[in-house]
Structure formats: structure tokens, C-alpha cells
């Protein structure tokens, strides 16, 4: 039985899976993943599929936070019980040298109770709640997939064990190239849940007829305009990003990392998330002069000015957010801690 690094991969959105794949591809140690999500096509190590634990008919009767000490531990939940049992069986074998958690307070605590050192992937926003304090305090290291300037509000005890990697993505090995012909927009409309809808994007495209809008993500049936195309989920996101003159995106970590890798001018519209995660990221981007940040989806008449401003700001500032070696440095750290 070989020694491995365990890696818990949260299922919401695509960012956690992409981040795990980028790191695991660079470690010397085999990485065994635990996740409800399916494995990416290029995953080479073990992938242990966990049952879902999301469905709770009546949360008021389930005490899902265990008296506000955890985030999600509903009483007598078969999915929770089964997934923890699966992980516990693997933890008890003794070959998991280190557990990376991205992200779950409950899995962090569970692994540590087996005596397994835990590395927690940090998240932006206000993490001062009781469950986050527990997980961050017990972690051997905190991995921050952003530059150091983005966590200046963290307590010193967290900052002292944080490794600031900068943003990283599956595209970090690729060279950014010149954009398109001058009037093409790529919209990152991801899977993690959005505050905006089809009509919002349609109104923006209608207000900017000289710009071609290419929307990547969920389908927008019925949003028919000559300068608006809904591509759905595409395999080659990179070519869409590098062909764009401007990217309009939410402020999720994965989307921001991919835009940063492409060094594209961007308009960032943070979406509502627990702990104000995306708004915290957007605030740092604004303060750093990286991209153009709009706190809410702009009104139609605002788009021409915002697009002009994004072109003026450009995309060179992304090098301060994403130096390009974050996944490699994370892999080297995990190998050292697992030795």
C-alpha cells in the first residue's frame, strides 16, 4: 500500500476540481481525491466517489450546524453518514500522509481526528465564524490561491502559516496571446450560481451592437440577437478567452484565475456568496487597479463606458494576481509536508 496525499474536492462549481487537478499533476506523491464530483479526464490517481449529503427535507429539524459549531452536519443523514464512513475507512489505513481540504470544515476536523496533518485551501471573505476558525486554527498550513495583499484582514496566527501562491489554473502552462480583432467579449457564466440572468446579458448586448458577445456556460435559449451567441459548455475555454478583447466574469476564484492566466482586460461583477467571498475578491482587484470592477450588473447605458475603460486598463495587471507558478509551488509544499 503506497503512501498518498489525500485531497477533498468540493463539488460546487468547477474551480475546486480544476485547482486539484492543477496541483496533483505536479506532485511527486500520488494524490487520492475524495469528492462527490466526477473526476476530470486527466486525473491519474485514485478518485473516491462520495455520495451526496445535500438533501435535507426540513433543515429546522436537522440542526445542520450542530449548534453553530460546524457548517453542515445534519442529524441522522444517510448521505453524510455514508460519505464520512467511506473517508474514515481510508483514513484508518494509515497511508494518507497529508490531507488537503478544498473545502470543508467537517472533513478538516474529521481527518485531523485520525491524526492526519491537514492543509486547508483558504477562501476570501469573512472567515471569522466559529467553524472556519476551528478549521483554520488546526491546519498545518493554509494555501491562499491569491497574492498576499488579499488577506490583510486575517489574524496574524493565520497569516503566519499561510502560503500565498497567487491565483493558478489549468492554463498556467500556456502563453497568453494577443486578443481578437477589437470588438469581441467573452462572458464567463459559470456553474456555481449567479445573480444575473439571460435578460441581463441580452440587455447589455443590445446596448453595445458594435461588440460581439460570446457567452460560455449555461444555455440562454431565447436570447436571440445578431451580436449575442450562447455557446453553452465548451471544451476549449482557453481559445475563447484568448480570442476575446474583453472578458466579463463573476469573481469566483477559478474564473478569475483563468482570466488572469490569459491576461485579458476584464470587467468583474461579483456575485452573492456566503461570507462575501466574491465581493472581497472584487474589492482587492479594484484596490490593486486590476481590471474594472462593477459591484452589480451594470445598466445597459453603462456598458459602452465600461468597455472603453476596460480596454484602457488592459490586462497586464493580472501578472500581479497570477504569477504563473502557484500550482507548482503548492505541489512542492505538499510533497515536503507528506515526506
Protein backbone atom coordinates (compact mmCIF):
# COMPACT_ATOMS: atom_id res chain seq x y z
CA UNK A 1 0.00 0.00 0.00
CA UNK A 2 1.65 3.21 -1.18
CA UNK A 3 1.66 6.47 0.74
CA UNK A 4 -0.60 9.13 -0.73
CA UNK A 5 -1.75 12.69 -0.25
CA UNK A 6 -5.48 12.77 0.35
CA UNK A 7 -7.40 15.61 -1.28
CA UNK A 8 -11.02 16.51 -0.57
CA UNK A 9 -12.57 18.30 -3.58
CA UNK A 10 -15.78 20.24 -3.04
CA UNK A 11 -18.41 19.71 -5.74
CA UNK A 12 -19.94 23.19 -6.16
CA UNK A 13 -18.72 24.91 -9.32
CA UNK A 14 -15.73 23.75 -11.36
CA UNK A 15 -13.00 25.66 -9.58
CA UNK A 16 -12.21 23.13 -6.84
CA UNK A 17 -11.80 20.28 -9.34
CA UNK A 18 -9.64 22.36 -11.68
CA UNK A 19 -7.45 23.52 -8.81
CA UNK A 20 -6.96 19.97 -7.52
CA UNK A 21 -6.06 18.73 -11.00
CA UNK A 22 -3.50 21.50 -11.48
CA UNK A 23 -1.76 20.64 -8.21
CA UNK A 24 -1.97 16.84 -8.50
CA UNK A 25 -0.41 16.93 -11.96
CA UNK A 26 2.74 18.39 -10.40
CA UNK A 27 3.21 16.38 -7.19
CA UNK A 28 5.76 13.60 -6.83
CA UNK A 29 3.43 11.88 -4.35
CA UNK A 30 0.30 10.13 -5.61
CA UNK A 31 -2.84 12.15 -4.85
CA UNK A 32 -6.05 10.32 -3.87
CA UNK A 33 -9.13 12.51 -4.24
CA UNK A 34 -12.42 12.32 -2.35
CA UNK A 35 -15.36 14.09 -3.99
CA UNK A 36 -18.99 14.00 -5.00
CA UNK A 37 -17.91 15.43 -8.37
CA UNK A 38 -16.76 13.14 -11.18
CA UNK A 39 -13.00 13.11 -11.86
CA UNK A 40 -11.52 15.29 -14.58
CA UNK A 41 -10.42 13.40 -17.67
CA UNK A 42 -6.71 13.89 -16.96
CA UNK A 43 -6.78 12.68 -13.32
CA UNK A 44 -4.20 9.89 -12.88
CA UNK A 45 -4.53 8.90 -9.21
CA UNK A 46 -7.33 7.28 -7.21
CA UNK A 47 -10.66 9.12 -7.19
CA UNK A 48 -13.01 8.02 -4.41
CA UNK A 49 -16.59 9.00 -5.21
CA UNK A 50 -18.64 10.16 -2.24
CA UNK A 51 -22.46 10.14 -2.01
CA UNK A 52 -24.24 13.47 -1.85
CA UNK A 53 -25.24 14.83 1.54
CA UNK A 54 -27.14 17.92 0.40
CA UNK A 55 -30.79 16.87 0.57
CA UNK A 56 -32.36 17.67 3.95
CA UNK A 57 -36.20 17.85 3.88
CA UNK A 58 -36.52 20.10 6.91
CA UNK A 59 -33.35 21.87 7.97
CA UNK A 60 -35.04 23.32 11.05
CA UNK A 61 -35.28 19.79 12.49
CA UNK A 62 -31.86 18.62 11.35
CA UNK A 63 -29.61 21.06 13.29
CA UNK A 64 -27.32 21.14 10.28
CA UNK A 65 -24.73 23.35 12.02
CA UNK A 66 -24.56 21.30 15.25
CA UNK A 67 -25.22 24.33 17.38
CA UNK A 68 -23.25 26.68 15.10
CA UNK A 69 -20.04 24.70 15.62
CA UNK A 70 -19.97 23.31 12.05
CA UNK A 71 -21.32 24.27 8.63
CA UNK A 72 -23.06 21.07 7.55
CA UNK A 73 -23.71 18.06 9.78
CA UNK A 74 -27.45 17.26 9.61
CA UNK A 75 -28.73 14.71 12.11
CA UNK A 76 -29.26 11.09 11.01
CA UNK A 77 -28.46 11.86 7.37
CA UNK A 78 -27.67 8.74 5.36
CA UNK A 79 -25.57 10.58 2.77
CA UNK A 80 -23.46 12.29 5.41
CA UNK A 81 -23.05 9.07 7.37
CA UNK A 82 -22.04 7.08 4.29
CA UNK A 83 -19.56 9.61 2.93
CA UNK A 84 -17.89 10.02 6.31
CA UNK A 85 -17.74 6.24 6.64
CA UNK A 86 -16.02 5.92 3.27
CA UNK A 87 -13.45 8.54 4.19
CA UNK A 88 -12.96 7.05 7.64
CA UNK A 89 -12.18 3.63 6.16
CA UNK A 90 -9.48 5.19 4.01
CA UNK A 91 -8.12 7.34 6.84
CA UNK A 92 -7.81 4.27 9.08
CA UNK A 93 -5.48 2.51 6.62
CA UNK A 94 -2.64 4.77 7.68
CA UNK A 95 -1.22 5.54 4.24
CA UNK A 96 -2.61 9.07 3.89
CA UNK A 97 0.37 11.18 4.88
CA UNK A 98 -1.38 14.52 4.47
CA UNK A 99 -4.95 15.66 3.81
CA UNK A 100 -5.66 18.69 1.64
CA UNK A 101 -9.18 20.06 2.09
CA UNK A 102 -10.79 22.32 -0.53
CA UNK A 103 -13.14 22.99 1.17
CA UNK A 104 -14.97 21.57 4.19
CA UNK A 105 -14.68 22.33 7.87
CA UNK A 106 -16.16 18.92 8.67
CA UNK A 107 -13.65 16.97 6.57
CA UNK A 108 -10.79 19.03 8.02
CA UNK A 109 -11.81 18.15 11.57
CA UNK A 110 -12.54 14.52 10.69
CA UNK A 111 -9.12 13.94 9.10
CA UNK A 112 -7.31 15.66 11.96
CA UNK A 113 -9.10 13.41 14.48
CA UNK A 114 -7.42 10.49 12.70
CA UNK A 115 -4.08 12.15 13.35
CA UNK A 116 -3.63 13.16 9.72
CA UNK A 117 -1.99 16.58 9.21
CA UNK A 118 -4.36 18.87 7.35
CA UNK A 119 -3.71 21.60 4.80
CA UNK A 120 -6.73 23.82 4.19
CA UNK A 121 -7.26 25.77 0.99
CA UNK A 122 -8.29 29.22 2.16
CA UNK A 123 -11.13 31.29 0.80
CA UNK A 124 -11.53 35.06 0.54
CA UNK A 125 -14.09 36.95 2.56
CA UNK A 126 -15.02 37.00 6.23
CA UNK A 127 -13.93 33.67 7.74
CA UNK A 128 -14.24 34.73 11.38
CA UNK A 129 -17.22 32.47 12.09
CA UNK A 130 -16.73 29.69 14.62
CA UNK A 131 -16.46 26.76 12.15
CA UNK A 132 -13.89 28.50 9.97
CA UNK A 133 -11.83 29.49 12.98
CA UNK A 134 -11.73 25.84 14.04
CA UNK A 135 -10.56 24.59 10.64
CA UNK A 136 -8.06 27.36 10.01
CA UNK A 137 -6.62 27.16 13.52
CA UNK A 138 -5.99 23.39 13.30
CA UNK A 139 -4.48 23.47 9.80
CA UNK A 140 -0.76 22.82 9.37
CA UNK A 141 -0.77 25.29 6.50
CA UNK A 142 -3.28 27.49 4.72
CA UNK A 143 -2.98 27.65 0.95
CA UNK A 144 -4.01 31.02 -0.45
CA UNK A 145 -4.61 30.96 -4.23
CA UNK A 146 -4.26 34.73 -4.39
CA UNK A 147 -1.50 37.27 -3.66
CA UNK A 148 -0.67 38.32 -0.11
CA UNK A 149 -2.43 41.68 -0.40
CA UNK A 150 -5.81 39.91 -0.49
CA UNK A 151 -5.76 38.61 3.10
CA UNK A 152 -4.52 41.57 5.09
CA UNK A 153 -7.57 41.31 7.38
CA UNK A 154 -6.76 37.76 8.55
CA UNK A 155 -5.49 37.37 12.12
CA UNK A 156 -1.73 37.06 12.48
CA UNK A 157 -1.90 33.40 13.56
CA UNK A 158 -3.38 32.53 10.16
CA UNK A 159 -1.12 34.77 8.14
CA UNK A 160 1.97 33.22 9.72
CA UNK A 161 1.12 29.77 8.33
CA UNK A 162 -0.34 30.91 5.02
CA UNK A 163 1.46 30.18 1.77
CA UNK A 164 0.47 32.82 -0.77
CA UNK A 165 0.50 31.12 -4.14
CA UNK A 166 -1.17 33.70 -6.32
CA UNK A 167 -4.05 32.57 -8.49
CA UNK A 168 -3.42 29.47 -10.57
CA UNK A 169 -5.43 27.50 -13.08
CA UNK A 170 -5.31 24.68 -15.61
CA UNK A 171 -3.99 27.20 -18.16
CA UNK A 172 -0.84 28.34 -16.37
CA UNK A 173 1.46 26.42 -18.72
CA UNK A 174 0.10 28.27 -21.73
CA UNK A 175 1.38 31.55 -23.08
CA UNK A 176 -1.07 34.44 -23.21
CA UNK A 177 -1.54 35.71 -26.75
CA UNK A 178 -2.86 38.82 -28.43
CA UNK A 179 -6.63 39.29 -28.26
CA UNK A 180 -9.13 39.34 -31.07
CA UNK A 181 -9.97 41.89 -33.72
CA UNK A 182 -11.11 44.62 -31.36
CA UNK A 183 -14.76 44.09 -30.51
CA UNK A 184 -15.27 40.62 -29.03
CA UNK A 185 -16.45 39.89 -25.48
CA UNK A 186 -16.33 36.52 -23.71
CA UNK A 187 -18.76 36.14 -20.81
CA UNK A 188 -17.84 33.59 -18.13
CA UNK A 189 -21.26 32.34 -17.00
CA UNK A 190 -20.25 29.51 -14.70
CA UNK A 191 -21.90 26.68 -12.79
CA UNK A 192 -21.57 27.98 -9.23
CA UNK A 193 -24.78 30.04 -9.25
CA UNK A 194 -25.26 33.61 -10.47
CA UNK A 195 -27.28 36.68 -9.54
CA UNK A 196 -27.73 37.68 -13.19
CA UNK A 197 -29.97 36.17 -15.83
CA UNK A 198 -30.40 35.82 -19.56
CA UNK A 199 -32.23 39.15 -19.84
CA UNK A 200 -29.35 41.00 -18.14
CA UNK A 201 -26.83 39.73 -20.66
CA UNK A 202 -29.22 40.31 -23.55
CA UNK A 203 -29.76 43.93 -22.48
CA UNK A 204 -26.01 44.51 -22.30
CA UNK A 205 -25.50 43.08 -25.79
CA UNK A 206 -28.38 45.12 -27.18
CA UNK A 207 -26.82 48.30 -25.76
CA UNK A 208 -23.48 47.56 -27.46
CA UNK A 209 -24.30 46.48 -31.04
CA UNK A 210 -20.71 47.03 -32.21
CA UNK A 211 -19.48 44.31 -29.85
CA UNK A 212 -19.82 40.55 -30.34
CA UNK A 213 -20.88 38.79 -27.11
CA UNK A 214 -19.87 35.12 -26.70
CA UNK A 215 -21.37 33.55 -23.57
CA UNK A 216 -19.67 30.47 -22.11
CA UNK A 217 -21.70 28.36 -19.70
CA UNK A 218 -25.37 27.55 -19.31
CA UNK A 219 -27.65 27.90 -22.31
CA UNK A 220 -29.53 31.15 -22.88
CA UNK A 221 -32.36 29.99 -25.07
CA UNK A 222 -34.46 32.81 -26.42
CA UNK A 223 -31.81 35.50 -26.10
CA UNK A 224 -31.57 35.97 -29.85
CA UNK A 225 -29.57 38.98 -31.05
CA UNK A 226 -27.22 39.18 -34.03
CA UNK A 227 -24.28 40.05 -31.75
CA UNK A 228 -25.05 37.53 -28.97
CA UNK A 229 -24.14 33.82 -29.10
CA UNK A 230 -24.68 31.30 -26.30
CA UNK A 231 -22.05 28.61 -26.74
CA UNK A 232 -23.02 26.52 -23.72
CA UNK A 233 -20.29 24.48 -22.07
CA UNK A 234 -17.23 24.41 -24.31
CA UNK A 235 -14.18 22.15 -24.14
CA UNK A 236 -11.68 24.76 -25.27
CA UNK A 237 -12.25 27.68 -22.91
CA UNK A 238 -8.71 28.91 -23.48
CA UNK A 239 -9.23 29.67 -27.16
CA UNK A 240 -12.38 31.63 -26.31
CA UNK A 241 -10.56 33.65 -23.67
CA UNK A 242 -7.57 34.49 -25.82
CA UNK A 243 -9.79 35.40 -28.79
CA UNK A 244 -11.66 37.93 -26.66
CA UNK A 245 -10.71 41.56 -26.33
CA UNK A 246 -12.57 41.80 -23.00
CA UNK A 247 -13.81 39.15 -20.59
CA UNK A 248 -16.90 39.79 -18.46
CA UNK A 249 -16.81 37.49 -15.47
CA UNK A 250 -18.04 36.85 -11.97
CA UNK A 251 -15.43 36.94 -9.18
CA UNK A 252 -15.20 33.22 -8.45
CA UNK A 253 -11.62 32.13 -7.85
CA UNK A 254 -11.41 29.74 -10.80
CA UNK A 255 -12.85 32.19 -13.32
CA UNK A 256 -10.58 34.98 -12.10
CA UNK A 257 -7.55 32.66 -12.26
CA UNK A 258 -8.33 31.67 -15.85
CA UNK A 259 -8.84 35.27 -16.96
CA UNK A 260 -5.59 36.17 -15.19
CA UNK A 261 -3.71 33.39 -16.99
CA UNK A 262 -4.96 34.76 -20.31
CA UNK A 263 -4.01 38.33 -19.26
CA UNK A 264 -7.24 39.66 -20.74
CA UNK A 265 -8.83 43.03 -19.98
CA UNK A 266 -11.81 42.29 -17.78
CA UNK A 267 -15.00 43.59 -16.25
CA UNK A 268 -15.59 41.76 -12.97
CA UNK A 269 -19.10 41.56 -11.49
CA UNK A 270 -19.05 39.82 -8.08
CA UNK A 271 -21.97 37.55 -7.22
CA UNK A 272 -23.61 36.94 -3.86
CA UNK A 273 -21.83 34.20 -1.90
CA UNK A 274 -21.59 33.20 1.76
CA UNK A 275 -19.01 35.21 3.70
CA UNK A 276 -18.96 37.85 0.90
CA UNK A 277 -16.29 35.80 -0.86
CA UNK A 278 -16.64 37.29 -4.33
CA UNK A 279 -17.13 40.85 -3.11
CA UNK A 280 -13.93 40.55 -1.06
CA UNK A 281 -12.01 39.42 -4.13
CA UNK A 282 -13.52 42.21 -6.22
CA UNK A 283 -12.58 44.82 -3.62
CA UNK A 284 -8.93 43.75 -3.75
CA UNK A 285 -8.94 43.78 -7.55
CA UNK A 286 -10.36 47.30 -7.52
CA UNK A 287 -7.81 48.47 -4.96
CA UNK A 288 -4.99 46.93 -6.99
CA UNK A 289 -6.12 48.50 -10.25
CA UNK A 290 -6.60 45.10 -11.90
CA UNK A 291 -9.49 45.02 -14.34
CA UNK A 292 -12.69 47.02 -13.99
CA UNK A 293 -15.00 46.10 -11.11
CA UNK A 294 -18.76 46.70 -11.05
CA UNK A 295 -20.47 45.90 -7.75
CA UNK A 296 -23.66 44.86 -9.55
CA UNK A 297 -24.62 44.06 -13.13
CA UNK A 298 -24.41 47.42 -14.94
CA UNK A 299 -27.37 49.14 -16.50
CA UNK A 300 -27.49 48.93 -20.31
CA UNK A 301 -26.44 52.54 -20.80
CA UNK A 302 -23.31 51.99 -18.65
CA UNK A 303 -21.80 49.30 -20.84
CA UNK A 304 -20.19 51.43 -23.59
CA UNK A 305 -18.24 53.44 -21.00
CA UNK A 306 -17.22 50.32 -19.04
CA UNK A 307 -15.96 48.57 -22.16
CA UNK A 308 -13.87 51.60 -23.12
CA UNK A 309 -12.45 51.74 -19.60
CA UNK A 310 -11.59 48.03 -19.60
CA UNK A 311 -9.65 48.43 -22.84
CA UNK A 312 -7.78 51.38 -21.34
CA UNK A 313 -6.87 49.48 -18.16
CA UNK A 314 -5.78 46.44 -20.18
CA UNK A 315 -4.77 43.03 -18.88
CA UNK A 316 -1.12 43.41 -17.91
CA UNK A 317 -2.02 43.90 -14.25
CA UNK A 318 -3.07 40.26 -13.95
CA UNK A 319 0.61 39.29 -13.61
CA UNK A 320 0.44 40.67 -10.06
CA UNK A 321 -2.53 38.40 -9.27
CA UNK A 322 -1.32 35.27 -11.03
CA UNK A 323 2.47 34.86 -11.33
CA UNK A 324 2.03 31.51 -13.10
CA UNK A 325 3.84 29.15 -10.72
CA UNK A 326 1.23 28.74 -7.97
CA UNK A 327 0.31 25.12 -8.70
CA UNK A 328 3.97 24.07 -8.87
CA UNK A 329 4.77 25.74 -5.55
CA UNK A 330 1.69 24.17 -3.94
CA UNK A 331 2.75 20.73 -5.19
CA UNK A 332 6.29 21.15 -3.84
CA UNK A 333 4.94 22.20 -0.44
CA UNK A 334 2.56 19.23 -0.24
CA UNK A 335 5.32 16.79 -1.21
CA UNK A 336 7.53 18.22 1.54
CA UNK A 337 4.81 18.04 4.19
CA UNK A 338 3.92 14.47 3.18
CA UNK A 339 7.52 13.24 3.33
